[in-house]
C-alpha atoms as a PDB file:
ATOM      1  CA  MET A   1      12.385  -5.392  19.860  1.00  0.00           C
ATOM      2  CA  ALA A   2      11.174  -3.645  16.701  1.00  0.00           C
ATOM      3  CA  GLU A   3      12.698  -0.210  16.120  1.00  0.00           C
ATOM      4  CA  PRO A   4      11.224   2.380  13.718  1.00  0.00           C
ATOM      5  CA  LEU A   5      13.627   3.250  10.886  1.00  0.00           C
ATOM      6  CA  ASN A   6      11.606   5.581   8.659  1.00  0.00           C
ATOM      7  CA  THR A   7       8.124   7.072   8.319  1.00  0.00           C
ATOM      8  CA  GLN A   8       6.384   8.781   5.421  1.00  0.00           C
ATOM      9  CA  ASN A   9       2.927  10.288   4.910  1.00  0.00           C
ATOM     10  CA  LEU A  10       1.643  10.225   1.349  1.00  0.00           C
ATOM     11  CA  ASP A  11      -1.510  10.977  -0.576  1.00  0.00           C
ATOM     12  CA  VAL A  12      -2.488   8.247  -3.047  1.00  0.00           C
ATOM     13  CA  PHE A  13      -4.744   8.885  -6.016  1.00  0.00           C
ATOM     14  CA  VAL A  14      -6.953   5.794  -6.368  1.00  0.00           C
ATOM     15  CA  THR A  15      -8.548   4.946  -9.708  1.00  0.00           C
ATOM     16  CA  HIS A  16     -10.824   2.033 -10.603  1.00  0.00           C
ATOM     17  CA  TYR A  17     -10.865   0.895  -6.936  1.00  0.00           C
ATOM     18  CA  SER A  18      -7.131   0.170  -6.841  1.00  0.00           C
ATOM     19  CA  PHE A  19      -3.526   1.252  -6.705  1.00  0.00           C
ATOM     20  CA  CYS A  20      -0.265  -0.639  -6.361  1.00  0.00           C
ATOM     21  CA  ILE A  21       3.235  -0.520  -4.984  1.00  0.00           C
ATOM     22  CA  GLN A  22       6.007  -2.026  -7.058  1.00  0.00           C
ATOM     23  CA  GLU A  23       9.773  -1.971  -7.513  1.00  0.00           C
ATOM     24  CA  LEU A  24      10.664   1.604  -8.485  1.00  0.00           C
ATOM     25  CA  ASP A  25      12.770   0.371 -11.422  1.00  0.00           C
ATOM     26  CA  ASP A  26       9.759  -0.798 -13.420  1.00  0.00           C
ATOM     27  CA  ALA A  27      12.037  -2.512 -15.993  1.00  0.00           C
ATOM     28  CA  LEU A  28      12.620  -5.159 -13.285  1.00  0.00           C
ATOM     29  CA  VAL A  29       8.902  -5.800 -12.666  1.00  0.00           C
ATOM     30  CA  PRO A  30       7.803  -8.886 -14.659  1.00  0.00           C
ATOM     31  CA  LEU A  31       4.117  -7.894 -14.818  1.00  0.00           C
ATOM     32  CA  GLU A  32       3.522  -4.145 -14.580  1.00  0.00           C
ATOM     33  CA  TYR A  33       0.415  -2.658 -13.007  1.00  0.00           C
ATOM     34  CA  PRO A  34      -2.455  -2.933 -13.889  1.00  0.00           C
ATOM     35  CA  GLU A  35      -1.805  -6.131 -15.853  1.00  0.00           C
ATOM     36  CA  GLY A  36      -3.290  -9.125 -14.049  1.00  0.00           C
ATOM     37  CA  SER A  37      -5.233  -6.977 -11.569  1.00  0.00           C
ATOM     38  CA  GLU A  38      -8.477  -8.383 -10.316  1.00  0.00           C
ATOM     39  CA  ALA A  39     -10.824  -7.542  -7.473  1.00  0.00           C
ATOM     40  CA  GLY A  40     -11.503  -9.618  -4.407  1.00  0.00           C
ATOM     41  CA  ALA A  41      -8.641  -9.136  -1.965  1.00  0.00           C
ATOM     42  CA  LEU A  42      -7.286  -6.214   0.047  1.00  0.00           C
ATOM     43  CA  VAL A  43      -3.761  -7.171  -1.097  1.00  0.00           C
ATOM     44  CA  ARG A  44      -2.799  -9.273  -4.110  1.00  0.00           C
ATOM     45  CA  GLU A  45       0.844 -10.389  -4.528  1.00  0.00           C
ATOM     46  CA  PHE A  46       2.775 -10.401  -7.799  1.00  0.00           C
ATOM     47  CA  PRO A  47       6.555 -10.631  -8.301  1.00  0.00           C
ATOM     48  CA  MET A  48       7.992  -7.262  -7.153  1.00  0.00           C
ATOM     49  CA  ARG A  49       4.465  -5.782  -6.964  1.00  0.00           C
ATOM     50  CA  LEU A  50       1.467  -5.618  -4.643  1.00  0.00           C
ATOM     51  CA  ASP A  51      -2.003  -4.538  -5.772  1.00  0.00           C
ATOM     52  CA  LEU A  52      -4.210  -2.845  -3.170  1.00  0.00           C
ATOM     53  CA  GLU A  53      -8.000  -2.850  -3.449  1.00  0.00           C
ATOM     54  CA  SER A  54      -9.766   0.304  -2.340  1.00  0.00           C
ATOM     55  CA  ALA A  55     -13.439   0.621  -1.421  1.00  0.00           C
ATOM     56  CA  GLY A  56     -13.837   3.808  -3.487  1.00  0.00           C
ATOM     57  CA  HIS A  57     -13.663   4.109  -7.278  1.00  0.00           C
ATOM     58  CA  THR A  58     -11.818   7.427  -7.698  1.00  0.00           C
ATOM     59  CA  HIS A  59     -10.518   9.399  -4.731  1.00  0.00           C
ATOM     60  CA  THR A  60      -7.413  10.443  -2.818  1.00  0.00           C
ATOM     61  CA  ALA A  61      -6.512   8.205   0.112  1.00  0.00           C
ATOM     62  CA  SER A  62      -4.110   8.933   2.974  1.00  0.00           C
ATOM     63  CA  LEU A  63      -1.173   6.552   3.350  1.00  0.00           C
ATOM     64  CA  ALA A  64       1.089   6.291   6.401  1.00  0.00           C
ATOM     65  CA  VAL A  65       4.267   4.282   5.756  1.00  0.00           C
ATOM     66  CA  GLU A  66       6.402   2.848   8.551  1.00  0.00           C
ATOM     67  CA  VAL A  67       9.670   0.976   8.033  1.00  0.00           C
ATOM     68  CA  TRP A  68      10.765  -1.158  11.008  1.00  0.00           C
ATOM     69  CA  SER A  69      13.848  -3.178  11.974  1.00  0.00           C
ATOM     70  CA  SER A  70      11.657  -6.242  12.698  1.00  0.00           C
ATOM     71  CA  CYS A  71       7.967  -7.134  12.895  1.00  0.00           C
ATOM     72  CA  PRO A  72       6.138  -4.350  14.772  1.00  0.00           C
ATOM     73  CA  GLU A  73       2.895  -4.564  16.683  1.00  0.00           C
ATOM     74  CA  LEU A  74      -0.204  -3.088  15.124  1.00  0.00           C
ATOM     75  CA  THR A  75      -1.265  -0.374  17.510  1.00  0.00           C
ATOM     76  CA  ASP A  76      -5.013  -0.044  18.011  1.00  0.00           C
ATOM     77  CA  PRO A  77      -6.093  -2.991  15.826  1.00  0.00           C
ATOM     78  CA  ASP A  78      -9.766  -2.092  16.345  1.00  0.00           C
ATOM     79  CA  ALA A  79      -9.218   1.166  14.414  1.00  0.00           C
ATOM     80  CA  TRP A  80      -8.823  -0.730  11.127  1.00  0.00           C
ATOM     81  CA  ASP A  81     -11.555  -2.195   8.898  1.00  0.00           C
ATOM     82  CA  GLU A  82      -9.227  -4.734   7.268  1.00  0.00           C
ATOM     83  CA  VAL A  83      -5.695  -5.965   7.898  1.00  0.00           C
ATOM     84  CA  ALA A  84      -3.555  -8.255   5.717  1.00  0.00           C
ATOM     85  CA  GLU A  85       0.085  -9.273   5.368  1.00  0.00           C
ATOM     86  CA  ALA A  86       2.174  -9.982   2.281  1.00  0.00           C
ATOM     87  CA  SER A  87       5.746  -9.989   0.979  1.00  0.00           C
ATOM     88  CA  ILE A  88       7.415  -7.839  -1.662  1.00  0.00           C
ATOM     89  CA  GLU A  89      10.897  -7.975  -3.140  1.00  0.00           C
ATOM     90  CA  THR A  90      12.800  -4.883  -4.214  1.00  0.00           C
ATOM     91  CA  ALA A  91      16.140  -4.648  -6.017  1.00  0.00           C
ATOM     92  CA  THR A  92      16.611  -0.934  -5.274  1.00  0.00           C
ATOM     93  CA  GLY A  93      15.081  -0.523  -1.814  1.00  0.00           C
ATOM     94  CA  GLU A  94      12.527   1.867  -3.277  1.00  0.00           C
ATOM     95  CA  LEU A  95       8.932   1.210  -4.276  1.00  0.00           C
ATOM     96  CA  GLY A  96       6.781   3.243  -6.610  1.00  0.00           C
ATOM     97  CA  VAL A  97       3.177   4.016  -5.690  1.00  0.00           C
ATOM     98  CA  TRP A  98       1.102   3.651  -8.866  1.00  0.00           C
ATOM     99  CA  SER A  99      -2.474   4.268  -9.992  1.00  0.00           C
ATOM    100  CA  ASP A 100      -2.756   6.022 -13.378  1.00  0.00           C
ATOM    101  CA  GLY A 101       1.025   6.471 -13.271  1.00  0.00           C
ATOM    102  CA  LEU A 102       3.778   6.951 -10.734  1.00  0.00           C
ATOM    103  CA  ASP A 103       2.307   9.015  -7.882  1.00  0.00           C
ATOM    104  CA  ASP A 104       5.032   8.826  -5.244  1.00  0.00           C
ATOM    105  CA  GLN A 105       7.715   6.562  -3.857  1.00  0.00           C
ATOM    106  CA  ILE A 106       8.464   4.679  -0.659  1.00  0.00           C
ATOM    107  CA  ASP A 107      12.040   4.485   0.629  1.00  0.00           C
ATOM    108  CA  LEU A 108      12.694   1.198   2.456  1.00  0.00           C
ATOM    109  CA  GLY A 109      16.392   1.966   2.906  1.00  0.00           C
ATOM    110  CA  ALA A 110      17.684  -1.358   1.542  1.00  0.00           C
ATOM    111  CA  PRO A 111      16.945  -3.873  -1.210  1.00  0.00           C
ATOM    112  CA  GLY A 112      15.717  -7.368  -0.412  1.00  0.00           C
ATOM    113  CA  LEU A 113      12.603  -9.276   0.566  1.00  0.00           C
ATOM    114  CA  TRP A 114      10.284  -7.314   2.854  1.00  0.00           C
ATOM    115  CA  ARG A 115       7.171  -8.252   4.808  1.00  0.00           C
ATOM    116  CA  ILE A 116       4.350  -5.744   4.866  1.00  0.00           C
ATOM    117  CA  ARG A 117       1.289  -5.370   7.051  1.00  0.00           C
ATOM    118  CA  VAL A 118      -1.465  -3.440   5.293  1.00  0.00           C
ATOM    119  CA  ALA A 119      -4.286  -1.889   7.317  1.00  0.00           C
ATOM    120  CA  ALA A 120      -7.177   0.095   5.855  1.00  0.00           C
ATOM    121  CA  ALA A 121      -9.919   2.196   7.480  1.00  0.00           C
ATOM    122  CA  GLY A 122     -12.770   4.397   6.270  1.00  0.00           C
ATOM    123  CA  ARG A 123     -13.781   1.887   3.648  1.00  0.00           C
ATOM    124  CA  GLU A 124     -17.561   2.035   4.066  1.00  0.00           C
ATOM    125  CA  GLU A 125     -17.482   5.817   4.293  1.00  0.00           C
ATOM    126  CA  VAL A 126     -15.373   6.296   1.146  1.00  0.00           C
ATOM    127  CA  GLN A 127     -17.693   3.977  -0.734  1.00  0.00           C
ATOM    128  CA  ARG A 128     -20.746   5.961   0.449  1.00  0.00           C
ATOM    129  CA  GLN A 129     -19.211   9.389  -0.176  1.00  0.00           C
ATOM    130  CA  ALA A 130     -17.833   8.443  -3.583  1.00  0.00           C
ATOM    131  CA  GLN A 131     -21.355   7.548  -4.700  1.00  0.00           C
ATOM    132  CA  VAL A 132     -22.973  10.677  -3.226  1.00  0.00           C
ATOM    133  CA  VAL A 133     -20.288  13.371  -3.428  1.00  0.00           C
ATOM    134  CA  GLY A 134     -17.885  12.071  -6.076  1.00  0.00           C
ATOM    135  CA  ALA A 135     -14.114  12.262  -5.648  1.00  0.00           C
ATOM    136  CA  VAL A 136     -13.183  12.790  -1.973  1.00  0.00           C
ATOM    137  CA  GLU A 137      -9.891  13.195  -0.128  1.00  0.00           C
ATOM    138  CA  GLY A 138      -8.540  11.507   2.996  1.00  0.00           C
ATOM    139  CA  VAL A 139     -11.665   9.483   3.835  1.00  0.00           C
ATOM    140  CA  GLU A 140      -9.994   6.123   3.280  1.00  0.00           C
ATOM    141  CA  ARG A 141      -6.786   5.717   5.316  1.00  0.00           C
ATOM    142  CA  TRP A 142      -4.052   3.146   4.814  1.00  0.00           C
ATOM    143  CA  LEU A 143      -1.133   2.040   6.969  1.00  0.00           C
ATOM    144  CA  PHE A 144       1.830   0.128   5.503  1.00  0.00           C
ATOM    145  CA  GLN A 145       4.228  -1.382   8.043  1.00  0.00           C
ATOM    146  CA  PHE A 146       7.375  -2.836   6.417  1.00  0.00           C
ATOM    147  CA  TRP A 147      10.096  -4.974   8.021  1.00  0.00           C
ATOM    148  CA  PRO A 148      12.871  -7.183   6.581  1.00  0.00           C
ATOM    149  CA  SER A 149      11.672 -10.712   5.881  1.00  0.00           C
ATOM    150  CA  GLY A 150      13.161 -13.217   8.295  1.00  0.00           C
ATOM    151  CA  SER A 151      13.788 -10.702  11.072  1.00  0.00           C
END
């Protein structure tokens, strides 16, 4: 049974419809953000990096991070507009959250290959408000659920 190991709540500054998470030691990341970024997918995988596509151009999104011992269930799947899964490798056990620069960091607790479930909500509303109001905060919400690959 999946056990929660760590939780974090972060604010992410989104620019140009995107942000990323990548190995905190950016010298180990073969292709640093935003190189190679392109639109079209909620999550795009690169070595030691994941790009996340937002529905709003420039805004602050809410991010809930959960680290689990094994694959957790997604509670209330109907609450999310989009859900995707991917893998990310980390040499340090820490990931940087990037947009225009390093915004924050995620502590996974151990290096290795991790699976991640990404869920996003408030996408239509952030797109609408960003066009009418401009930069908004907390309209788009993200959930990252991490667990060790192979568990």
